[in-house]
PDB file of N, CA and C in Angstrom:
ATOM      1  N   UNK A   1      -7.859  15.365 -35.260  1.00  0.00           N
ATOM      2  CA  UNK A   1      -6.556  14.286 -35.142  1.00  0.00           C
ATOM      3  C   UNK A   1      -7.143  13.277 -35.036  1.00  0.00           C
ATOM      4  N   UNK A   2      -6.638  12.031 -35.154  1.00  0.00           N
ATOM      5  CA  UNK A   2      -7.426  10.599 -35.115  1.00  0.00           C
ATOM      6  C   UNK A   2      -6.465   9.572 -34.141  1.00  0.00           C
ATOM      7  N   UNK A   3      -7.373   9.223 -33.526  1.00  0.00           N
ATOM      8  CA  UNK A   3      -6.287   8.170 -32.623  1.00  0.00           C
ATOM      9  C   UNK A   3      -6.942   6.709 -32.586  1.00  0.00           C
ATOM     10  N   UNK A   4      -5.831   5.922 -33.000  1.00  0.00           N
ATOM     11  CA  UNK A   4      -6.145   4.699 -33.466  1.00  0.00           C
ATOM     12  C   UNK A   4      -6.884   3.822 -32.330  1.00  0.00           C
ATOM     13  N   UNK A   5      -7.718   2.820 -32.845  1.00  0.00           N
ATOM     14  CA  UNK A   5      -8.172   1.937 -31.599  1.00  0.00           C
ATOM     15  C   UNK A   5      -7.177   0.956 -31.317  1.00  0.00           C
ATOM     16  N   UNK A   6      -7.242   0.610 -29.660  1.00  0.00           N
ATOM     17  CA  UNK A   6      -6.116   0.007 -29.541  1.00  0.00           C
ATOM     18  C   UNK A   6      -6.740  -1.014 -28.586  1.00  0.00           C
ATOM     19  N   UNK A   7      -6.311  -2.005 -28.026  1.00  0.00           N
ATOM     20  CA  UNK A   7      -7.170  -3.184 -27.495  1.00  0.00           C
ATOM     21  C   UNK A   7      -6.154  -3.262 -26.340  1.00  0.00           C
ATOM     22  N   UNK A   8      -6.782  -3.988 -25.751  1.00  0.00           N
ATOM     23  CA  UNK A   8      -6.216  -4.317 -24.156  1.00  0.00           C
ATOM     24  C   UNK A   8      -5.422  -5.425 -23.850  1.00  0.00           C
ATOM     25  N   UNK A   9      -4.225  -5.603 -23.398  1.00  0.00           N
ATOM     26  CA  UNK A   9      -3.592  -6.693 -23.991  1.00  0.00           C
ATOM     27  C   UNK A   9      -3.849  -7.758 -22.673  1.00  0.00           C
ATOM     28  N   UNK A  10      -3.557  -8.793 -22.778  1.00  0.00           N
ATOM     29  CA  UNK A  10      -3.919  -9.935 -21.626  1.00  0.00           C
ATOM     30  C   UNK A  10      -5.312 -10.440 -21.534  1.00  0.00           C
ATOM     31  N   UNK A  11      -5.730 -11.089 -20.762  1.00  0.00           N
ATOM     32  CA  UNK A  11      -7.049 -11.835 -20.512  1.00  0.00           C
ATOM     33  C   UNK A  11      -7.976 -10.919 -20.680  1.00  0.00           C
ATOM     34  N   UNK A  12      -9.275 -11.450 -20.390  1.00  0.00           N
ATOM     35  CA  UNK A  12     -10.610 -10.594 -20.515  1.00  0.00           C
ATOM     36  C   UNK A  12     -10.545  -9.879 -19.415  1.00  0.00           C
ATOM     37  N   UNK A  13     -10.249 -10.644 -18.352  1.00  0.00           N
ATOM     38  CA  UNK A  13     -10.323  -9.969 -16.552  1.00  0.00           C
ATOM     39  C   UNK A  13      -9.239  -8.743 -16.936  1.00  0.00           C
ATOM     40  N   UNK A  14      -8.385  -8.270 -17.387  1.00  0.00           N
ATOM     41  CA  UNK A  14      -7.777  -7.294 -17.873  1.00  0.00           C
ATOM     42  C   UNK A  14      -8.676  -6.333 -18.594  1.00  0.00           C
ATOM     43  N   UNK A  15      -9.370  -6.721 -19.494  1.00  0.00           N
ATOM     44  CA  UNK A  15     -10.045  -5.693 -20.167  1.00  0.00           C
ATOM     45  C   UNK A  15     -11.331  -5.436 -19.292  1.00  0.00           C
ATOM     46  N   UNK A  16     -11.678  -6.182 -18.291  1.00  0.00           N
ATOM     47  CA  UNK A  16     -13.035  -5.992 -17.553  1.00  0.00           C
ATOM     48  C   UNK A  16     -12.093  -4.954 -16.552  1.00  0.00           C
ATOM     49  N   UNK A  17     -11.197  -5.108 -16.085  1.00  0.00           N
ATOM     50  CA  UNK A  17     -10.594  -3.702 -15.087  1.00  0.00           C
ATOM     51  C   UNK A  17      -9.934  -2.397 -15.674  1.00  0.00           C
ATOM     52  N   UNK A  18     -10.028  -2.450 -17.293  1.00  0.00           N
ATOM     53  CA  UNK A  18      -9.921  -1.321 -17.780  1.00  0.00           C
ATOM     54  C   UNK A  18     -10.982  -0.793 -17.703  1.00  0.00           C
ATOM     55  N   UNK A  19     -12.271  -1.447 -18.143  1.00  0.00           N
ATOM     56  CA  UNK A  19     -13.974  -1.098 -18.355  1.00  0.00           C
ATOM     57  C   UNK A  19     -14.332  -0.540 -17.144  1.00  0.00           C
ATOM     58  N   UNK A  20     -14.244  -1.285 -16.140  1.00  0.00           N
ATOM     59  CA  UNK A  20     -14.504  -0.935 -14.658  1.00  0.00           C
ATOM     60  C   UNK A  20     -13.880   0.499 -14.157  1.00  0.00           C
ATOM     61  N   UNK A  21     -12.380   0.795 -14.570  1.00  0.00           N
ATOM     62  CA  UNK A  21     -11.888   2.042 -14.287  1.00  0.00           C
ATOM     63  C   UNK A  21     -12.666   3.250 -15.192  1.00  0.00           C
ATOM     64  N   UNK A  22     -12.706   2.855 -16.568  1.00  0.00           N
ATOM     65  CA  UNK A  22     -13.201   3.724 -17.065  1.00  0.00           C
ATOM     66  C   UNK A  22     -14.455   4.178 -16.615  1.00  0.00           C
ATOM     67  N   UNK A  23     -15.563   3.164 -16.382  1.00  0.00           N
ATOM     68  CA  UNK A  23     -16.809   3.571 -16.048  1.00  0.00           C
ATOM     69  C   UNK A  23     -16.598   4.381 -14.848  1.00  0.00           C
ATOM     70  N   UNK A  24     -15.742   3.975 -13.473  1.00  0.00           N
ATOM     71  CA  UNK A  24     -16.016   4.372 -12.366  1.00  0.00           C
ATOM     72  C   UNK A  24     -15.541   6.082 -12.518  1.00  0.00           C
ATOM     73  N   UNK A  25     -14.399   6.624 -13.718  1.00  0.00           N
ATOM     74  CA  UNK A  25     -14.125   7.897 -14.141  1.00  0.00           C
ATOM     75  C   UNK A  25     -15.301   8.549 -14.699  1.00  0.00           C
ATOM     76  N   UNK A  26     -16.146   7.426 -15.496  1.00  0.00           N
ATOM     77  CA  UNK A  26     -17.208   8.357 -16.272  1.00  0.00           C
ATOM     78  C   UNK A  26     -18.298   8.521 -15.194  1.00  0.00           C
ATOM     79  N   UNK A  27     -18.708   8.007 -14.355  1.00  0.00           N
ATOM     80  CA  UNK A  27     -19.316   8.452 -13.412  1.00  0.00           C
ATOM     81  C   UNK A  27     -19.211   9.081 -12.448  1.00  0.00           C
ATOM     82  N   UNK A  28     -18.239   9.167 -12.118  1.00  0.00           N
ATOM     83  CA  UNK A  28     -17.804  10.276 -11.252  1.00  0.00           C
ATOM     84  C   UNK A  28     -17.625  11.721 -11.887  1.00  0.00           C
ATOM     85  N   UNK A  29     -16.897  11.567 -13.070  1.00  0.00           N
ATOM     86  CA  UNK A  29     -16.823  12.932 -13.638  1.00  0.00           C
ATOM     87  C   UNK A  29     -17.549  13.500 -14.470  1.00  0.00           C
ATOM     88  N   UNK A  30     -18.621  12.618 -14.676  1.00  0.00           N
ATOM     89  CA  UNK A  30     -19.518  13.182 -15.738  1.00  0.00           C
ATOM     90  C   UNK A  30     -21.056  12.798 -15.261  1.00  0.00           C
ATOM     91  N   UNK A  31     -21.279  11.700 -14.951  1.00  0.00           N
ATOM     92  CA  UNK A  31     -22.748  11.640 -14.574  1.00  0.00           C
ATOM     93  C   UNK A  31     -23.254  11.892 -12.999  1.00  0.00           C
ATOM     94  N   UNK A  32     -22.428  11.928 -12.065  1.00  0.00           N
ATOM     95  CA  UNK A  32     -22.592  12.469 -10.701  1.00  0.00           C
ATOM     96  C   UNK A  32     -22.558  14.079 -10.809  1.00  0.00           C
ATOM     97  N   UNK A  33     -21.897  14.553 -11.841  1.00  0.00           N
ATOM     98  CA  UNK A  33     -21.621  16.101 -11.929  1.00  0.00           C
ATOM     99  C   UNK A  33     -22.826  16.621 -12.129  1.00  0.00           C
ATOM    100  N   UNK A  34     -23.232  16.074 -13.126  1.00  0.00           N
ATOM    101  CA  UNK A  34     -24.709  17.160 -13.870  1.00  0.00           C
ATOM    102  C   UNK A  34     -26.297  16.556 -13.922  1.00  0.00           C
ATOM    103  N   UNK A  35     -27.246  17.009 -13.564  1.00  0.00           N
ATOM    104  CA  UNK A  35     -28.546  16.796 -13.520  1.00  0.00           C
ATOM    105  C   UNK A  35     -29.120  17.347 -14.808  1.00  0.00           C
ATOM    106  N   UNK A  36     -29.483  16.302 -16.159  1.00  0.00           N
ATOM    107  CA  UNK A  36     -29.851  16.727 -17.202  1.00  0.00           C
ATOM    108  C   UNK A  36     -31.426  16.412 -17.334  1.00  0.00           C
ATOM    109  N   UNK A  37     -31.824  17.499 -17.583  1.00  0.00           N
ATOM    110  CA  UNK A  37     -33.496  17.253 -17.802  1.00  0.00           C
ATOM    111  C   UNK A  37     -33.835  17.105 -19.165  1.00  0.00           C
ATOM    112  N   UNK A  38     -32.999  17.045 -20.276  1.00  0.00           N
ATOM    113  CA  UNK A  38     -33.538  16.491 -21.389  1.00  0.00           C
ATOM    114  C   UNK A  38     -32.390  16.032 -22.095  1.00  0.00           C
ATOM    115  N   UNK A  39     -32.406  15.218 -23.266  1.00  0.00           N
ATOM    116  CA  UNK A  39     -31.207  14.188 -23.807  1.00  0.00           C
ATOM    117  C   UNK A  39     -30.298  15.351 -24.417  1.00  0.00           C
ATOM    118  N   UNK A  40     -30.545  16.445 -24.932  1.00  0.00           N
ATOM    119  CA  UNK A  40     -29.824  17.785 -25.259  1.00  0.00           C
ATOM    120  C   UNK A  40     -28.969  18.278 -24.524  1.00  0.00           C
ATOM    121  N   UNK A  41     -29.642  18.345 -23.218  1.00  0.00           N
ATOM    122  CA  UNK A  41     -28.761  19.109 -21.962  1.00  0.00           C
ATOM    123  C   UNK A  41     -27.843  17.817 -21.412  1.00  0.00           C
ATOM    124  N   UNK A  42     -27.788  16.298 -21.389  1.00  0.00           N
ATOM    125  CA  UNK A  42     -27.232  15.194 -21.491  1.00  0.00           C
ATOM    126  C   UNK A  42     -26.101  15.110 -22.559  1.00  0.00           C
ATOM    127  N   UNK A  43     -26.203  15.322 -23.855  1.00  0.00           N
ATOM    128  CA  UNK A  43     -25.056  15.290 -24.861  1.00  0.00           C
ATOM    129  C   UNK A  43     -24.330  16.313 -24.228  1.00  0.00           C
ATOM    130  N   UNK A  44     -24.941  18.032 -24.361  1.00  0.00           N
ATOM    131  CA  UNK A  44     -23.946  18.912 -23.884  1.00  0.00           C
ATOM    132  C   UNK A  44     -22.829  18.667 -22.710  1.00  0.00           C
ATOM    133  N   UNK A  45     -23.526  18.193 -21.500  1.00  0.00           N
ATOM    134  CA  UNK A  45     -22.610  17.449 -20.585  1.00  0.00           C
ATOM    135  C   UNK A  45     -21.695  16.658 -20.887  1.00  0.00           C
ATOM    136  N   UNK A  46     -22.314  15.856 -22.060  1.00  0.00           N
ATOM    137  CA  UNK A  46     -21.204  14.694 -21.831  1.00  0.00           C
ATOM    138  C   UNK A  46     -20.017  15.387 -23.133  1.00  0.00           C
ATOM    139  N   UNK A  47     -20.377  16.069 -23.912  1.00  0.00           N
ATOM    140  CA  UNK A  47     -19.418  16.626 -24.687  1.00  0.00           C
ATOM    141  C   UNK A  47     -18.228  17.571 -23.922  1.00  0.00           C
ATOM    142  N   UNK A  48     -18.860  18.069 -22.987  1.00  0.00           N
ATOM    143  CA  UNK A  48     -17.700  18.824 -22.053  1.00  0.00           C
ATOM    144  C   UNK A  48     -17.123  17.858 -21.326  1.00  0.00           C
ATOM    145  N   UNK A  49     -17.620  16.835 -20.882  1.00  0.00           N
ATOM    146  CA  UNK A  49     -17.034  15.977 -20.003  1.00  0.00           C
ATOM    147  C   UNK A  49     -15.583  15.615 -21.097  1.00  0.00           C
ATOM    148  N   UNK A  50     -16.048  14.833 -22.309  1.00  0.00           N
ATOM    149  CA  UNK A  50     -15.352  14.293 -22.967  1.00  0.00           C
ATOM    150  C   UNK A  50     -13.880  15.481 -23.286  1.00  0.00           C
ATOM    151  N   UNK A  51     -14.534  16.339 -23.625  1.00  0.00           N
ATOM    152  CA  UNK A  51     -13.551  17.810 -24.085  1.00  0.00           C
ATOM    153  C   UNK A  51     -12.555  17.687 -22.913  1.00  0.00           C
ATOM    154  N   UNK A  52     -12.749  17.852 -21.901  1.00  0.00           N
ATOM    155  CA  UNK A  52     -12.157  17.704 -20.674  1.00  0.00           C
ATOM    156  C   UNK A  52     -11.061  16.689 -20.008  1.00  0.00           C
ATOM    157  N   UNK A  53     -11.761  15.339 -20.785  1.00  0.00           N
ATOM    158  CA  UNK A  53     -11.445  14.062 -19.987  1.00  0.00           C
ATOM    159  C   UNK A  53      -9.848  13.905 -21.241  1.00  0.00           C
ATOM    160  N   UNK A  54     -10.284  14.651 -22.233  1.00  0.00           N
ATOM    161  CA  UNK A  54      -9.117  14.310 -23.494  1.00  0.00           C
ATOM    162  C   UNK A  54      -8.183  15.449 -23.813  1.00  0.00           C
ATOM    163  N   UNK A  55      -8.739  16.505 -22.999  1.00  0.00           N
ATOM    164  CA  UNK A  55      -7.762  17.438 -23.757  1.00  0.00           C
ATOM    165  C   UNK A  55      -6.923  18.182 -21.832  1.00  0.00           C
ATOM    166  N   UNK A  56      -7.700  17.877 -20.607  1.00  0.00           N
ATOM    167  CA  UNK A  56      -7.465  18.544 -19.659  1.00  0.00           C
ATOM    168  C   UNK A  56      -6.773  17.865 -18.506  1.00  0.00           C
ATOM    169  N   UNK A  57      -7.567  16.750 -18.732  1.00  0.00           N
ATOM    170  CA  UNK A  57      -7.370  15.565 -17.233  1.00  0.00           C
ATOM    171  C   UNK A  57      -6.326  14.939 -17.706  1.00  0.00           C
ATOM    172  N   UNK A  58      -5.360  15.252 -16.218  1.00  0.00           N
ATOM    173  CA  UNK A  58      -4.072  14.162 -16.391  1.00  0.00           C
ATOM    174  C   UNK A  58      -3.977  12.741 -16.247  1.00  0.00           C
ATOM    175  N   UNK A  59      -3.595  11.760 -17.056  1.00  0.00           N
ATOM    176  CA  UNK A  59      -3.868  10.435 -16.798  1.00  0.00           C
ATOM    177  C   UNK A  59      -2.713   9.868 -16.485  1.00  0.00           C
ATOM    178  N   UNK A  60      -2.584   8.847 -15.464  1.00  0.00           N
ATOM    179  CA  UNK A  60      -1.251   8.322 -15.208  1.00  0.00           C
ATOM    180  C   UNK A  60      -0.335   7.451 -16.091  1.00  0.00           C
ATOM    181  N   UNK A  61      -1.335   6.836 -16.815  1.00  0.00           N
ATOM    182  CA  UNK A  61      -0.946   6.094 -17.690  1.00  0.00           C
ATOM    183  C   UNK A  61       0.043   6.631 -18.848  1.00  0.00           C
ATOM    184  N   UNK A  62      -0.289   7.899 -19.174  1.00  0.00           N
ATOM    185  CA  UNK A  62       0.152   8.706 -20.249  1.00  0.00           C
ATOM    186  C   UNK A  62       1.316   9.482 -19.296  1.00  0.00           C
ATOM    187  N   UNK A  63       2.111   9.251 -18.227  1.00  0.00           N
ATOM    188  CA  UNK A  63       3.020  10.018 -17.661  1.00  0.00           C
ATOM    189  C   UNK A  63       2.546  11.345 -17.405  1.00  0.00           C
ATOM    190  N   UNK A  64       1.214  11.760 -16.714  1.00  0.00           N
ATOM    191  CA  UNK A  64       0.429  12.756 -15.997  1.00  0.00           C
ATOM    192  C   UNK A  64       0.176  13.672 -17.199  1.00  0.00           C
ATOM    193  N   UNK A  65      -0.092  13.327 -18.516  1.00  0.00           N
ATOM    194  CA  UNK A  65      -0.293  14.033 -19.674  1.00  0.00           C
ATOM    195  C   UNK A  65      -1.863  13.906 -19.766  1.00  0.00           C
ATOM    196  N   UNK A  66      -2.592  14.955 -20.701  1.00  0.00           N
ATOM    197  CA  UNK A  66      -3.997  14.519 -21.156  1.00  0.00           C
ATOM    198  C   UNK A  66      -3.552  13.620 -22.768  1.00  0.00           C
ATOM    199  N   UNK A  67      -4.783  12.877 -22.794  1.00  0.00           N
ATOM    200  CA  UNK A  67      -4.232  12.067 -24.322  1.00  0.00           C
ATOM    201  C   UNK A  67      -4.056  13.114 -25.519  1.00  0.00           C
ATOM    202  N   UNK A  68      -4.844  13.978 -25.502  1.00  0.00           N
ATOM    203  CA  UNK A  68      -4.519  15.192 -26.694  1.00  0.00           C
ATOM    204  C   UNK A  68      -3.149  15.746 -26.403  1.00  0.00           C
ATOM    205  N   UNK A  69      -2.479  15.931 -25.290  1.00  0.00           N
ATOM    206  CA  UNK A  69      -1.154  16.720 -25.126  1.00  0.00           C
ATOM    207  C   UNK A  69      -0.055  15.510 -25.693  1.00  0.00           C
ATOM    208  N   UNK A  70      -0.495  14.139 -25.172  1.00  0.00           N
ATOM    209  CA  UNK A  70       0.411  12.735 -25.106  1.00  0.00           C
ATOM    210  C   UNK A  70       0.450  12.428 -26.564  1.00  0.00           C
ATOM    211  N   UNK A  71      -0.171  12.607 -27.223  1.00  0.00           N
ATOM    212  CA  UNK A  71      -0.385  12.238 -28.810  1.00  0.00           C
ATOM    213  C   UNK A  71       0.254  13.144 -29.372  1.00  0.00           C
ATOM    214  N   UNK A  72      -0.095  14.351 -29.160  1.00  0.00           N
ATOM    215  CA  UNK A  72       0.022  15.916 -30.056  1.00  0.00           C
ATOM    216  C   UNK A  72       1.760  15.923 -30.049  1.00  0.00           C
ATOM    217  N   UNK A  73       2.515  15.327 -28.967  1.00  0.00           N
ATOM    218  CA  UNK A  73       4.049  15.534 -28.790  1.00  0.00           C
ATOM    219  C   UNK A  73       4.654  14.151 -29.515  1.00  0.00           C
ATOM    220  N   UNK A  74       3.638  13.205 -30.154  1.00  0.00           N
ATOM    221  CA  UNK A  74       4.223  12.088 -30.815  1.00  0.00           C
ATOM    222  C   UNK A  74       4.376  10.647 -30.181  1.00  0.00           C
ATOM    223  N   UNK A  75       3.756  10.796 -28.928  1.00  0.00           N
ATOM    224  CA  UNK A  75       4.016   9.458 -27.954  1.00  0.00           C
ATOM    225  C   UNK A  75       2.639   8.938 -28.841  1.00  0.00           C
ATOM    226  N   UNK A  76       2.872   7.520 -28.859  1.00  0.00           N
ATOM    227  CA  UNK A  76       1.811   6.227 -29.083  1.00  0.00           C
ATOM    228  C   UNK A  76       1.797   5.285 -28.238  1.00  0.00           C
ATOM    229  N   UNK A  77       2.648   5.181 -27.182  1.00  0.00           N
ATOM    230  CA  UNK A  77       2.652   3.908 -26.606  1.00  0.00           C
ATOM    231  C   UNK A  77       2.513   4.567 -24.922  1.00  0.00           C
ATOM    232  N   UNK A  78       1.105   4.329 -24.539  1.00  0.00           N
ATOM    233  CA  UNK A  78       1.331   4.510 -22.919  1.00  0.00           C
ATOM    234  C   UNK A  78       2.580   3.749 -22.065  1.00  0.00           C
ATOM    235  N   UNK A  79       2.640   4.493 -20.976  1.00  0.00           N
ATOM    236  CA  UNK A  79       3.418   3.777 -20.309  1.00  0.00           C
ATOM    237  C   UNK A  79       3.160   2.592 -19.364  1.00  0.00           C
ATOM    238  N   UNK A  80       3.693   1.817 -18.851  1.00  0.00           N
ATOM    239  CA  UNK A  80       3.628   0.210 -18.186  1.00  0.00           C
ATOM    240  C   UNK A  80       3.106   0.480 -17.322  1.00  0.00           C
ATOM    241  N   UNK A  81       1.927  -0.050 -16.329  1.00  0.00           N
ATOM    242  CA  UNK A  81       1.303   0.388 -15.103  1.00  0.00           C
ATOM    243  C   UNK A  81       2.307  -0.555 -14.386  1.00  0.00           C
ATOM    244  N   UNK A  82       2.725  -0.190 -13.120  1.00  0.00           N
ATOM    245  CA  UNK A  82       3.130  -1.436 -12.437  1.00  0.00           C
ATOM    246  C   UNK A  82       1.727  -1.972 -11.579  1.00  0.00           C
ATOM    247  N   UNK A  83       2.003  -3.401 -11.370  1.00  0.00           N
ATOM    248  CA  UNK A  83       0.893  -4.110 -10.466  1.00  0.00           C
ATOM    249  C   UNK A  83       0.900  -3.420  -9.153  1.00  0.00           C
ATOM    250  N   UNK A  84      -0.289  -3.298  -8.475  1.00  0.00           N
ATOM    251  CA  UNK A  84      -0.200  -2.894  -7.436  1.00  0.00           C
ATOM    252  C   UNK A  84      -0.348  -3.739  -6.147  1.00  0.00           C
TER     253      UNK A  84
END
């Protein structure tokens, strides 16, 4: 299954917010979870985390679905997020 690249609509500041949000999720969900003693171990941990992130972890912008499930059901547009 191939998911097309998408771009953040809005200003560069909006893109920065999306990037910072992902970086925080990646740091908390992957980097802070495992201590790797080699590049191979780090790759294995990353592959595990990517699978979990895309197939199991619910995403608020996708109605609480994992991306794989969201796109498998024919959805192609994430829900609009309300401003906080």
